[in-house]
Amino acid sequence: MTDSEMSLFDVMFNCRAMRRLSTREVPEDLLTRLVEAGNQAPSGSNTQGARWIIVRDAAQKAKLAELNRVAVEAYASASSGRADELPHQSAAKRERMLGAVLWQKDHLHEVPAIILACMDFGRPIDRAAMAGGGGSIWPGVQNLLLAARALGLGATPTTLALQDPSAVAGILDLPPSMGVFCLIPVGYPLGKFGPVTRKPVDEVLRFDRWS
C-alpha cells in the first residue's frame, strides 16, 4: 500500500516515531501542508491561538540542537531515573529507543526542518497559562504528525529541548505572550515505517467506571 492509498486508520496505526532523518530537503509546500493540517485542530473556546514556526536556517537549528543536546545528555545519564525497561517494553527495545534519541541529539542540526508548536495567549504567559494551553495545541500536533505520516515524512515531537523557556524564546524572538509546547524535527526517514506497538485495548479501557 502506498502512502497515498492509506486510510485514516492505516495512518494512525502505522505512525511510528522516526528520529533518524535524512538531510534531503523537504519541499516548502509539504511543510506548509503539515501546518495547515495542524491548524485544522480544535482549540478551547475556538481561540485559535496555535502558532507554528518552521526553522530551516542552519544557525537557528544549531542553537536549538544545542539546547536539545544538553537536555538529552541529562536524560540519558545513569542518574536520570529513566527506566531501563517497562512491563510493556523490554530492556532491548528501550535501549534501541535510547539509541535513536542519542542519534537525534547528534544530528538534530542536520535535519531539513524543525517545527515549533506554540501558543499565543494574547497576554504575558505564566505557568498557569502554559498548563492550561495544552488542550488547544496538542490536537494540532497530532494532526501534523498524522499528516506527515500520510506524506511519507518522519516527525516525532520532543520537549527535551524546551527545558529553558527563556533561551528558547530568545532564539525564536518570541513575544511575551507566546510559549512553545514542543519541537518537531521533520524529514524523510532513514528507516522504514511500520505498525506501532501499543498495549492491548482491553488493558487500557473500561466502561462507566475503572474498578
N, C-alpha and C. Protein backbone atom coordinates (compact mmCIF):
# COMPACT_ATOMS: atom_id res chain seq x y z
N MET A 1 0.84 -1.20 0.00
CA MET A 1 0.00 0.00 0.00
C MET A 1 0.88 1.25 0.00
N THR A 2 0.65 2.17 -0.92
CA THR A 2 1.41 3.41 -0.97
C THR A 2 0.85 4.39 0.05
N ASP A 3 1.67 5.41 0.37
CA ASP A 3 1.22 6.40 1.34
C ASP A 3 -0.08 7.06 0.89
N SER A 4 -0.23 7.31 -0.42
CA SER A 4 -1.42 7.99 -0.92
C SER A 4 -2.67 7.13 -0.80
N GLU A 5 -2.51 5.82 -0.61
CA GLU A 5 -3.65 4.92 -0.52
C GLU A 5 -4.03 4.60 0.92
N MET A 6 -3.31 5.14 1.89
CA MET A 6 -3.56 4.82 3.28
C MET A 6 -4.84 5.48 3.77
N SER A 7 -5.64 4.72 4.51
CA SER A 7 -6.82 5.28 5.14
C SER A 7 -6.40 6.00 6.42
N LEU A 8 -7.33 6.73 7.03
CA LEU A 8 -7.03 7.41 8.27
C LEU A 8 -6.56 6.43 9.34
N PHE A 9 -7.22 5.29 9.45
CA PHE A 9 -6.84 4.32 10.46
C PHE A 9 -5.50 3.66 10.13
N ASP A 10 -5.20 3.46 8.86
CA ASP A 10 -3.89 2.96 8.47
C ASP A 10 -2.80 3.91 8.96
N VAL A 11 -3.04 5.20 8.76
CA VAL A 11 -2.06 6.21 9.17
C VAL A 11 -1.88 6.17 10.68
N MET A 12 -2.98 6.13 11.42
CA MET A 12 -2.89 6.12 12.88
C MET A 12 -2.12 4.91 13.40
N PHE A 13 -2.39 3.75 12.82
CA PHE A 13 -1.81 2.51 13.34
C PHE A 13 -0.39 2.28 12.82
N ASN A 14 0.07 3.13 11.93
CA ASN A 14 1.43 2.98 11.38
C ASN A 14 2.24 4.26 11.49
N CYS A 15 1.91 5.08 12.48
CA CYS A 15 2.60 6.37 12.66
C CYS A 15 3.74 6.19 13.66
N ARG A 16 4.73 5.43 13.26
CA ARG A 16 5.87 5.11 14.12
C ARG A 16 6.77 6.33 14.33
N ALA A 17 7.32 6.47 15.52
CA ALA A 17 8.26 7.55 15.78
C ALA A 17 9.50 7.39 14.90
N MET A 18 9.84 8.44 14.20
CA MET A 18 11.01 8.43 13.30
C MET A 18 11.97 9.53 13.73
N ARG A 19 13.04 9.15 14.40
CA ARG A 19 14.02 10.13 14.87
C ARG A 19 15.22 10.23 13.94
N ARG A 20 15.52 9.16 13.22
CA ARG A 20 16.63 9.19 12.28
C ARG A 20 16.12 9.68 10.93
N LEU A 21 16.54 10.89 10.56
CA LEU A 21 16.01 11.54 9.37
C LEU A 21 17.12 11.89 8.39
N SER A 22 16.80 11.81 7.11
CA SER A 22 17.72 12.17 6.05
C SER A 22 17.92 13.68 6.02
N THR A 23 19.03 14.10 5.44
CA THR A 23 19.27 15.54 5.23
C THR A 23 18.59 16.05 3.96
N ARG A 24 17.96 15.17 3.22
CA ARG A 24 17.26 15.55 2.00
C ARG A 24 16.24 16.65 2.28
N GLU A 25 16.26 17.69 1.46
CA GLU A 25 15.37 18.83 1.68
C GLU A 25 13.90 18.43 1.53
N VAL A 26 13.07 18.96 2.40
CA VAL A 26 11.62 18.77 2.31
C VAL A 26 11.04 20.01 1.63
N PRO A 27 10.31 19.84 0.54
CA PRO A 27 9.75 21.00 -0.17
C PRO A 27 8.91 21.88 0.75
N GLU A 28 8.99 23.16 0.54
CA GLU A 28 8.27 24.10 1.39
C GLU A 28 6.77 23.87 1.36
N ASP A 29 6.23 23.46 0.22
CA ASP A 29 4.79 23.26 0.15
C ASP A 29 4.35 22.10 1.04
N LEU A 30 5.21 21.09 1.21
CA LEU A 30 4.85 19.98 2.10
C LEU A 30 4.91 20.42 3.57
N LEU A 31 5.89 21.23 3.91
CA LEU A 31 5.97 21.75 5.28
C LEU A 31 4.74 22.61 5.59
N THR A 32 4.33 23.40 4.61
CA THR A 32 3.14 24.24 4.78
C THR A 32 1.90 23.37 4.95
N ARG A 33 1.82 22.28 4.22
CA ARG A 33 0.67 21.37 4.36
C ARG A 33 0.60 20.78 5.76
N LEU A 34 1.74 20.49 6.35
CA LEU A 34 1.75 19.97 7.71
C LEU A 34 1.13 20.98 8.68
N VAL A 35 1.53 22.23 8.53
CA VAL A 35 0.98 23.26 9.41
C VAL A 35 -0.50 23.49 9.11
N GLU A 36 -0.88 23.42 7.85
CA GLU A 36 -2.30 23.53 7.51
C GLU A 36 -3.11 22.44 8.21
N ALA A 37 -2.56 21.24 8.24
CA ALA A 37 -3.24 20.14 8.93
C ALA A 37 -3.34 20.42 10.43
N GLY A 38 -2.25 20.88 11.01
CA GLY A 38 -2.28 21.22 12.43
C GLY A 38 -3.27 22.32 12.74
N ASN A 39 -3.41 23.24 11.82
CA ASN A 39 -4.28 24.39 12.02
C ASN A 39 -5.76 24.03 11.98
N GLN A 40 -6.08 22.83 11.50
CA GLN A 40 -7.48 22.41 11.45
C GLN A 40 -8.00 21.87 12.78
N ALA A 41 -7.11 21.68 13.73
CA ALA A 41 -7.50 21.08 15.00
C ALA A 41 -8.34 22.04 15.83
N PRO A 42 -9.14 21.50 16.74
CA PRO A 42 -9.95 22.36 17.61
C PRO A 42 -9.09 23.04 18.66
N SER A 43 -9.65 24.10 19.24
CA SER A 43 -8.98 24.80 20.33
C SER A 43 -10.04 25.25 21.33
N GLY A 44 -9.62 25.43 22.57
CA GLY A 44 -10.54 25.83 23.62
C GLY A 44 -11.23 27.15 23.31
N SER A 45 -12.55 27.15 23.36
CA SER A 45 -13.36 28.33 23.06
C SER A 45 -13.09 28.88 21.66
N ASN A 46 -12.55 28.02 20.79
CA ASN A 46 -12.21 28.42 19.41
C ASN A 46 -11.30 29.64 19.38
N THR A 47 -10.39 29.72 20.34
CA THR A 47 -9.49 30.87 20.39
C THR A 47 -8.47 30.86 19.25
N GLN A 48 -8.16 29.68 18.73
CA GLN A 48 -7.21 29.53 17.62
C GLN A 48 -5.89 30.26 17.90
N GLY A 49 -5.35 29.98 19.09
CA GLY A 49 -4.09 30.61 19.47
C GLY A 49 -2.85 29.85 19.04
N ALA A 50 -3.01 28.72 18.37
CA ALA A 50 -1.84 27.95 17.93
C ALA A 50 -1.02 28.76 16.93
N ARG A 51 0.28 28.71 17.10
CA ARG A 51 1.21 29.36 16.17
C ARG A 51 2.32 28.36 15.87
N TRP A 52 2.86 28.43 14.67
CA TRP A 52 3.84 27.44 14.22
C TRP A 52 5.05 28.16 13.63
N ILE A 53 6.21 27.73 14.01
CA ILE A 53 7.46 28.29 13.46
C ILE A 53 8.23 27.15 12.80
N ILE A 54 8.55 27.30 11.52
CA ILE A 54 9.35 26.32 10.79
C ILE A 54 10.77 26.85 10.70
N VAL A 55 11.70 26.15 11.32
CA VAL A 55 13.10 26.57 11.34
C VAL A 55 13.87 25.77 10.32
N ARG A 56 14.45 26.48 9.34
CA ARG A 56 15.31 25.85 8.34
C ARG A 56 16.71 26.45 8.32
N ASP A 57 16.87 27.62 8.89
CA ASP A 57 18.16 28.29 8.92
C ASP A 57 19.15 27.47 9.75
N ALA A 58 20.34 27.26 9.18
CA ALA A 58 21.33 26.39 9.82
C ALA A 58 21.74 26.90 11.20
N ALA A 59 21.93 28.20 11.33
CA ALA A 59 22.36 28.76 12.61
C ALA A 59 21.27 28.59 13.67
N GLN A 60 20.02 28.80 13.27
CA GLN A 60 18.91 28.62 14.21
C GLN A 60 18.77 27.17 14.64
N LYS A 61 18.90 26.26 13.67
CA LYS A 61 18.83 24.84 14.01
C LYS A 61 19.94 24.45 14.98
N ALA A 62 21.13 24.99 14.77
CA ALA A 62 22.26 24.67 15.64
C ALA A 62 22.01 25.12 17.08
N LYS A 63 21.38 26.26 17.26
CA LYS A 63 21.08 26.76 18.60
C LYS A 63 20.07 25.86 19.30
N LEU A 64 19.03 25.47 18.58
CA LEU A 64 18.03 24.57 19.16
C LEU A 64 18.64 23.20 19.45
N ALA A 65 19.51 22.74 18.55
CA ALA A 65 20.16 21.44 18.73
C ALA A 65 21.05 21.44 19.97
N GLU A 66 21.66 22.56 20.28
CA GLU A 66 22.50 22.63 21.47
C GLU A 66 21.65 22.53 22.74
N LEU A 67 20.51 23.19 22.76
CA LEU A 67 19.61 23.06 23.91
C LEU A 67 19.17 21.60 24.06
N ASN A 68 18.89 20.97 22.94
CA ASN A 68 18.47 19.57 22.97
C ASN A 68 19.60 18.67 23.46
N ARG A 69 20.82 18.95 23.02
CA ARG A 69 21.97 18.12 23.42
C ARG A 69 22.12 18.12 24.93
N VAL A 70 22.07 19.28 25.53
CA VAL A 70 22.23 19.38 26.98
C VAL A 70 21.14 18.57 27.70
N ALA A 71 19.90 18.70 27.24
CA ALA A 71 18.79 18.01 27.89
C ALA A 71 18.86 16.50 27.68
N VAL A 72 19.22 16.07 26.49
CA VAL A 72 19.29 14.63 26.21
C VAL A 72 20.40 13.98 27.00
N GLU A 73 21.53 14.63 27.13
CA GLU A 73 22.62 14.05 27.90
C GLU A 73 22.23 13.87 29.36
N ALA A 74 21.43 14.80 29.89
CA ALA A 74 20.93 14.63 31.26
C ALA A 74 19.94 13.49 31.32
N TYR A 75 19.08 13.40 30.32
CA TYR A 75 18.07 12.33 30.26
C TYR A 75 18.70 10.95 30.16
N ALA A 76 19.80 10.87 29.42
CA ALA A 76 20.45 9.58 29.18
C ALA A 76 21.42 9.18 30.27
N SER A 77 21.68 10.06 31.21
CA SER A 77 22.67 9.75 32.24
C SER A 77 22.15 8.68 33.20
N ALA A 78 23.06 8.02 33.85
CA ALA A 78 22.70 6.94 34.77
C ALA A 78 21.89 7.44 35.96
N SER A 79 22.03 8.72 36.29
CA SER A 79 21.35 9.27 37.47
C SER A 79 20.00 9.90 37.14
N SER A 80 19.55 9.77 35.90
CA SER A 80 18.32 10.45 35.48
C SER A 80 17.05 9.84 36.04
N GLY A 81 17.12 8.58 36.43
CA GLY A 81 15.91 7.90 36.88
C GLY A 81 15.10 7.31 35.74
N ARG A 82 15.61 7.37 34.52
CA ARG A 82 14.92 6.81 33.36
C ARG A 82 14.86 5.28 33.51
N ALA A 83 13.69 4.74 33.28
CA ALA A 83 13.50 3.29 33.44
C ALA A 83 14.25 2.53 32.35
N ASP A 84 15.01 1.51 32.75
CA ASP A 84 15.74 0.68 31.78
C ASP A 84 14.81 -0.26 31.03
N GLU A 85 13.69 -0.63 31.64
CA GLU A 85 12.69 -1.43 30.98
C GLU A 85 11.33 -1.18 31.63
N LEU A 86 10.28 -1.51 30.90
CA LEU A 86 8.91 -1.34 31.36
C LEU A 86 8.16 -2.64 31.16
N PRO A 87 7.03 -2.82 31.83
CA PRO A 87 6.29 -4.06 31.64
C PRO A 87 5.92 -4.35 30.19
N HIS A 88 5.71 -3.28 29.42
CA HIS A 88 5.31 -3.46 28.02
C HIS A 88 6.46 -3.20 27.05
N GLN A 89 7.66 -2.96 27.56
CA GLN A 89 8.79 -2.66 26.68
C GLN A 89 10.06 -3.24 27.30
N SER A 90 10.66 -4.18 26.59
CA SER A 90 11.84 -4.86 27.11
C SER A 90 13.04 -3.92 27.18
N ALA A 91 14.05 -4.36 27.93
CA ALA A 91 15.28 -3.57 28.04
C ALA A 91 15.93 -3.37 26.68
N ALA A 92 15.87 -4.40 25.82
CA ALA A 92 16.47 -4.28 24.49
C ALA A 92 15.77 -3.21 23.66
N LYS A 93 14.45 -3.20 23.73
CA LYS A 93 13.69 -2.19 22.97
C LYS A 93 13.92 -0.80 23.54
N ARG A 94 14.00 -0.71 24.86
CA ARG A 94 14.30 0.59 25.47
C ARG A 94 15.67 1.10 25.05
N GLU A 95 16.61 0.18 24.93
CA GLU A 95 17.96 0.56 24.52
C GLU A 95 17.97 1.04 23.08
N ARG A 96 17.19 0.39 22.21
CA ARG A 96 17.10 0.83 20.81
C ARG A 96 16.46 2.21 20.72
N MET A 97 15.45 2.44 21.52
CA MET A 97 14.80 3.74 21.52
C MET A 97 15.77 4.82 21.99
N LEU A 98 16.52 4.53 23.05
CA LEU A 98 17.51 5.49 23.53
C LEU A 98 18.56 5.76 22.46
N GLY A 99 18.94 4.71 21.73
CA GLY A 99 19.90 4.90 20.65
C GLY A 99 19.40 5.89 19.60
N ALA A 100 18.10 5.82 19.29
CA ALA A 100 17.52 6.76 18.32
C ALA A 100 17.50 8.18 18.88
N VAL A 101 17.21 8.30 20.18
CA VAL A 101 17.21 9.62 20.81
C VAL A 101 18.62 10.22 20.79
N LEU A 102 19.62 9.39 21.05
CA LEU A 102 21.01 9.87 21.02
C LEU A 102 21.44 10.21 19.60
N TRP A 103 20.99 9.42 18.63
CA TRP A 103 21.30 9.75 17.23
C TRP A 103 20.72 11.11 16.88
N GLN A 104 19.49 11.33 17.30
CA GLN A 104 18.86 12.62 17.01
C GLN A 104 19.61 13.76 17.67
N LYS A 105 20.10 13.52 18.90
CA LYS A 105 20.90 14.54 19.58
C LYS A 105 22.10 14.97 18.75
N ASP A 106 22.76 14.00 18.13
CA ASP A 106 23.98 14.29 17.36
C ASP A 106 23.70 14.86 15.98
N HIS A 107 22.46 14.71 15.49
CA HIS A 107 22.17 15.11 14.12
C HIS A 107 21.02 16.10 13.97
N LEU A 108 20.50 16.59 15.11
CA LEU A 108 19.34 17.47 15.02
C LEU A 108 19.60 18.70 14.16
N HIS A 109 20.82 19.21 14.21
CA HIS A 109 21.15 20.42 13.44
C HIS A 109 21.17 20.14 11.94
N GLU A 110 21.15 18.86 11.54
CA GLU A 110 21.23 18.50 10.13
C GLU A 110 19.86 18.21 9.50
N VAL A 111 18.82 18.07 10.31
CA VAL A 111 17.52 17.73 9.73
C VAL A 111 17.03 18.88 8.87
N PRO A 112 16.20 18.59 7.87
CA PRO A 112 15.77 19.66 6.95
C PRO A 112 14.98 20.77 7.62
N ALA A 113 14.12 20.41 8.58
CA ALA A 113 13.27 21.42 9.21
C ALA A 113 12.93 21.01 10.63
N ILE A 114 12.78 22.01 11.47
CA ILE A 114 12.30 21.82 12.83
C ILE A 114 11.07 22.69 12.99
N ILE A 115 9.96 22.07 13.36
CA ILE A 115 8.73 22.83 13.55
C ILE A 115 8.48 23.00 15.04
N LEU A 116 8.22 24.22 15.46
CA LEU A 116 7.91 24.52 16.85
C LEU A 116 6.42 24.78 16.97
N ALA A 117 5.75 24.02 17.83
CA ALA A 117 4.32 24.20 18.09
C ALA A 117 4.16 25.16 19.27
N CYS A 118 3.54 26.28 19.02
CA CYS A 118 3.46 27.34 20.02
C CYS A 118 2.00 27.75 20.26
N MET A 119 1.80 28.51 21.33
CA MET A 119 0.51 29.13 21.60
C MET A 119 0.74 30.60 21.90
N ASP A 120 -0.12 31.44 21.30
CA ASP A 120 -0.12 32.86 21.64
C ASP A 120 -1.34 33.12 22.51
N PHE A 121 -1.12 33.48 23.77
CA PHE A 121 -2.20 33.66 24.73
C PHE A 121 -2.76 35.08 24.74
N GLY A 122 -2.13 35.98 24.00
CA GLY A 122 -2.64 37.34 23.95
C GLY A 122 -2.32 38.15 25.19
N ARG A 123 -1.53 37.61 26.06
CA ARG A 123 -1.11 38.27 27.30
C ARG A 123 0.18 37.61 27.76
N PRO A 124 0.93 38.25 28.62
CA PRO A 124 2.16 37.61 29.10
C PRO A 124 1.88 36.24 29.69
N ILE A 125 2.64 35.26 29.29
CA ILE A 125 2.38 33.89 29.73
C ILE A 125 2.92 33.66 31.13
N ASP A 126 2.29 32.72 31.82
CA ASP A 126 2.79 32.26 33.11
C ASP A 126 2.59 30.75 33.16
N ARG A 127 2.95 30.15 34.28
CA ARG A 127 2.89 28.70 34.39
C ARG A 127 1.44 28.19 34.23
N ALA A 128 0.49 28.93 34.77
CA ALA A 128 -0.91 28.50 34.68
C ALA A 128 -1.39 28.52 33.23
N ALA A 129 -0.98 29.53 32.48
CA ALA A 129 -1.38 29.61 31.08
C ALA A 129 -0.81 28.44 30.29
N MET A 130 0.45 28.12 30.51
CA MET A 130 1.07 27.00 29.80
C MET A 130 0.42 25.68 30.18
N ALA A 131 0.08 25.53 31.47
CA ALA A 131 -0.55 24.29 31.91
C ALA A 131 -1.92 24.11 31.27
N GLY A 132 -2.64 25.21 31.09
CA GLY A 132 -3.98 25.12 30.52
C GLY A 132 -4.02 25.15 29.01
N GLY A 133 -2.92 25.52 28.39
CA GLY A 133 -2.92 25.68 26.93
C GLY A 133 -2.72 24.40 26.15
N GLY A 134 -2.32 23.33 26.84
CA GLY A 134 -2.02 22.09 26.13
C GLY A 134 -3.19 21.55 25.35
N GLY A 135 -4.39 21.69 25.90
CA GLY A 135 -5.56 21.16 25.22
C GLY A 135 -5.86 21.84 23.91
N SER A 136 -5.27 23.02 23.70
CA SER A 136 -5.51 23.76 22.47
C SER A 136 -4.37 23.64 21.46
N ILE A 137 -3.27 22.97 21.85
CA ILE A 137 -2.16 22.82 20.90
C ILE A 137 -1.88 21.37 20.57
N TRP A 138 -2.04 20.44 21.53
CA TRP A 138 -1.68 19.05 21.25
C TRP A 138 -2.56 18.39 20.19
N PRO A 139 -3.86 18.72 20.09
CA PRO A 139 -4.62 18.16 18.95
C PRO A 139 -4.02 18.57 17.61
N GLY A 140 -3.53 19.80 17.51
CA GLY A 140 -2.89 20.25 16.28
C GLY A 140 -1.59 19.52 16.01
N VAL A 141 -0.83 19.25 17.08
CA VAL A 141 0.42 18.50 16.92
C VAL A 141 0.12 17.11 16.37
N GLN A 142 -0.91 16.45 16.91
CA GLN A 142 -1.25 15.12 16.42
C GLN A 142 -1.70 15.18 14.96
N ASN A 143 -2.49 16.18 14.60
CA ASN A 143 -2.86 16.35 13.19
C ASN A 143 -1.62 16.44 12.31
N LEU A 144 -0.66 17.22 12.77
CA LEU A 144 0.58 17.40 11.99
C LEU A 144 1.32 16.08 11.84
N LEU A 145 1.40 15.31 12.93
CA LEU A 145 2.12 14.04 12.87
C LEU A 145 1.45 13.06 11.91
N LEU A 146 0.13 13.02 11.93
CA LEU A 146 -0.60 12.12 11.03
C LEU A 146 -0.44 12.57 9.58
N ALA A 147 -0.47 13.88 9.37
CA ALA A 147 -0.26 14.40 8.01
C ALA A 147 1.13 14.06 7.51
N ALA A 148 2.13 14.18 8.39
CA ALA A 148 3.50 13.83 7.99
C ALA A 148 3.59 12.37 7.58
N ARG A 149 2.98 11.49 8.37
CA ARG A 149 3.00 10.06 8.02
C ARG A 149 2.32 9.82 6.68
N ALA A 150 1.19 10.48 6.44
CA ALA A 150 0.47 10.30 5.18
C ALA A 150 1.30 10.77 3.99
N LEU A 151 2.20 11.73 4.23
CA LEU A 151 3.04 12.27 3.16
C LEU A 151 4.39 11.56 3.07
N GLY A 152 4.59 10.53 3.91
CA GLY A 152 5.85 9.79 3.88
C GLY A 152 6.98 10.49 4.59
N LEU A 153 6.66 11.41 5.49
CA LEU A 153 7.67 12.15 6.23
C LEU A 153 7.77 11.63 7.66
N GLY A 154 8.97 11.65 8.22
CA GLY A 154 9.17 11.31 9.61
C GLY A 154 9.03 12.56 10.47
N ALA A 155 8.35 12.42 11.60
CA ALA A 155 8.17 13.56 12.51
C ALA A 155 7.84 13.02 13.89
N THR A 156 8.61 13.43 14.89
CA THR A 156 8.39 12.97 16.25
C THR A 156 8.54 14.15 17.20
N PRO A 157 7.54 14.44 18.02
CA PRO A 157 7.65 15.59 18.92
C PRO A 157 8.58 15.30 20.09
N THR A 158 9.24 16.33 20.57
CA THR A 158 10.07 16.22 21.77
C THR A 158 9.94 17.51 22.56
N THR A 159 10.03 17.39 23.87
CA THR A 159 10.02 18.57 24.73
C THR A 159 11.35 18.77 25.45
N LEU A 160 12.28 17.85 25.26
CA LEU A 160 13.55 17.92 25.98
C LEU A 160 14.29 19.23 25.72
N ALA A 161 14.23 19.71 24.49
CA ALA A 161 14.98 20.91 24.12
C ALA A 161 14.38 22.19 24.70
N LEU A 162 13.21 22.08 25.32
CA LEU A 162 12.48 23.28 25.74
C LEU A 162 12.55 23.51 27.24
N GLN A 163 13.51 22.90 27.93
CA GLN A 163 13.56 22.99 29.37
C GLN A 163 14.05 24.35 29.88
N ASP A 164 14.59 25.16 28.97
CA ASP A 164 14.98 26.54 29.32
C ASP A 164 14.12 27.47 28.46
N PRO A 165 12.89 27.78 28.90
CA PRO A 165 11.98 28.58 28.07
C PRO A 165 12.53 29.93 27.65
N SER A 166 13.28 30.57 28.53
CA SER A 166 13.81 31.89 28.18
C SER A 166 14.84 31.79 27.05
N ALA A 167 15.64 30.72 27.06
CA ALA A 167 16.61 30.53 25.99
C ALA A 167 15.90 30.26 24.67
N VAL A 168 14.85 29.44 24.71
CA VAL A 168 14.08 29.15 23.50
C VAL A 168 13.44 30.42 22.98
N ALA A 169 12.84 31.21 23.86
CA ALA A 169 12.19 32.46 23.45
C ALA A 169 13.20 33.41 22.82
N GLY A 170 14.42 33.43 23.36
CA GLY A 170 15.44 34.30 22.80
C GLY A 170 15.87 33.86 21.40
N ILE A 171 16.03 32.56 21.21
CA ILE A 171 16.42 32.05 19.89
C ILE A 171 15.35 32.35 18.85
N LEU A 172 14.09 32.19 19.23
CA LEU A 172 12.98 32.33 18.28
C LEU A 172 12.40 33.74 18.25
N ASP A 173 12.93 34.63 19.08
CA ASP A 173 12.45 36.01 19.14
C ASP A 173 10.94 36.05 19.40
N LEU A 174 10.52 35.33 20.43
CA LEU A 174 9.09 35.24 20.75
C LEU A 174 8.62 36.46 21.54
N PRO A 175 7.39 36.88 21.31
CA PRO A 175 6.81 37.92 22.17
C PRO A 175 6.47 37.33 23.53
N PRO A 176 6.27 38.19 24.55
CA PRO A 176 5.97 37.68 25.89
C PRO A 176 4.68 36.88 25.99
N SER A 177 3.83 37.00 24.99
CA SER A 177 2.55 36.30 25.01
C SER A 177 2.60 34.90 24.42
N MET A 178 3.76 34.48 23.92
CA MET A 178 3.85 33.21 23.20
C MET A 178 4.76 32.22 23.91
N GLY A 179 4.27 30.97 24.02
CA GLY A 179 5.05 29.90 24.61
C GLY A 179 5.16 28.73 23.66
N VAL A 180 6.24 27.95 23.79
CA VAL A 180 6.49 26.80 22.93
C VAL A 180 6.16 25.52 23.69
N PHE A 181 5.41 24.62 23.05
CA PHE A 181 4.99 23.37 23.69
C PHE A 181 5.79 22.16 23.24
N CYS A 182 6.21 22.12 21.99
CA CYS A 182 7.05 21.01 21.56
C CYS A 182 7.83 21.37 20.30
N LEU A 183 8.87 20.61 20.11
CA LEU A 183 9.76 20.75 18.95
C LEU A 183 9.62 19.48 18.11
N ILE A 184 9.41 19.65 16.80
CA ILE A 184 9.14 18.51 15.93
C ILE A 184 10.13 18.51 14.76
N PRO A 185 11.19 17.70 14.83
CA PRO A 185 12.06 17.54 13.66
C PRO A 185 11.29 16.84 12.53
N VAL A 186 11.46 17.32 11.32
CA VAL A 186 10.74 16.77 10.17
C VAL A 186 11.71 16.48 9.04
N GLY A 187 11.55 15.31 8.43
CA GLY A 187 12.38 14.96 7.29
C GLY A 187 11.98 13.61 6.73
N TYR A 188 12.66 13.18 5.70
CA TYR A 188 12.41 11.86 5.14
C TYR A 188 13.12 10.82 6.01
N PRO A 189 12.43 9.78 6.43
CA PRO A 189 13.01 8.82 7.37
C PRO A 189 14.12 7.99 6.74
N LEU A 190 15.13 7.68 7.55
CA LEU A 190 16.18 6.77 7.11
C LEU A 190 15.77 5.32 7.31
N GLY A 191 14.86 5.08 8.23
CA GLY A 191 14.34 3.73 8.45
C GLY A 191 13.02 3.52 7.74
N LYS A 192 12.39 2.40 8.03
CA LYS A 192 11.14 2.04 7.39
C LYS A 192 9.98 2.25 8.36
N PHE A 193 8.88 2.73 7.81
CA PHE A 193 7.67 2.84 8.60
C PHE A 193 7.14 1.44 8.89
N GLY A 194 6.38 1.33 9.96
CA GLY A 194 5.76 0.06 10.31
C GLY A 194 4.73 0.29 11.38
N PRO A 195 4.04 -0.76 11.78
CA PRO A 195 3.00 -0.61 12.80
C PRO A 195 3.59 -0.24 14.15
N VAL A 196 2.85 0.57 14.89
CA VAL A 196 3.26 0.90 16.25
C VAL A 196 2.91 -0.26 17.17
N THR A 197 3.61 -0.35 18.28
CA THR A 197 3.34 -1.38 19.28
C THR A 197 2.73 -0.72 20.51
N ARG A 198 1.51 -1.07 20.80
CA ARG A 198 0.81 -0.47 21.92
C ARG A 198 0.18 -1.55 22.80
N LYS A 199 -0.13 -1.19 24.03
CA LYS A 199 -0.82 -2.11 24.92
C LYS A 199 -2.17 -2.50 24.31
N PRO A 200 -2.64 -3.73 24.56
CA PRO A 200 -3.96 -4.12 24.08
C PRO A 200 -5.03 -3.21 24.66
N VAL A 201 -6.05 -2.94 23.86
CA VAL A 201 -7.08 -2.00 24.32
C VAL A 201 -7.79 -2.49 25.57
N ASP A 202 -7.88 -3.81 25.78
CA ASP A 202 -8.57 -4.29 26.97
C ASP A 202 -7.79 -4.01 28.25
N GLU A 203 -6.51 -3.61 28.13
CA GLU A 203 -5.75 -3.22 29.31
C GLU A 203 -5.94 -1.75 29.68
N VAL A 204 -6.39 -0.95 28.72
CA VAL A 204 -6.45 0.49 28.95
C VAL A 204 -7.87 1.04 28.91
N LEU A 205 -8.86 0.19 28.68
CA LEU A 205 -10.25 0.64 28.52
C LEU A 205 -11.17 0.00 29.56
N ARG A 206 -12.02 0.82 30.14
CA ARG A 206 -13.12 0.35 30.97
C ARG A 206 -14.37 1.16 30.59
N PHE A 207 -15.54 0.61 30.85
CA PHE A 207 -16.79 1.33 30.62
C PHE A 207 -17.41 1.74 31.94
N ASP A 208 -17.84 2.96 32.03
CA ASP A 208 -18.61 3.51 33.15
C ASP A 208 -17.79 3.80 34.40
N ARG A 209 -16.89 2.91 34.81
CA ARG A 209 -16.03 3.16 35.96
C ARG A 209 -14.79 2.26 35.84
N TRP A 210 -13.72 2.59 36.57
CA TRP A 210 -12.47 1.84 36.40
C TRP A 210 -12.50 0.50 37.12
N SER A 211 -12.98 0.43 38.34
CA SER A 211 -12.92 -0.81 39.11
C SER A 211 -14.28 -1.53 39.09
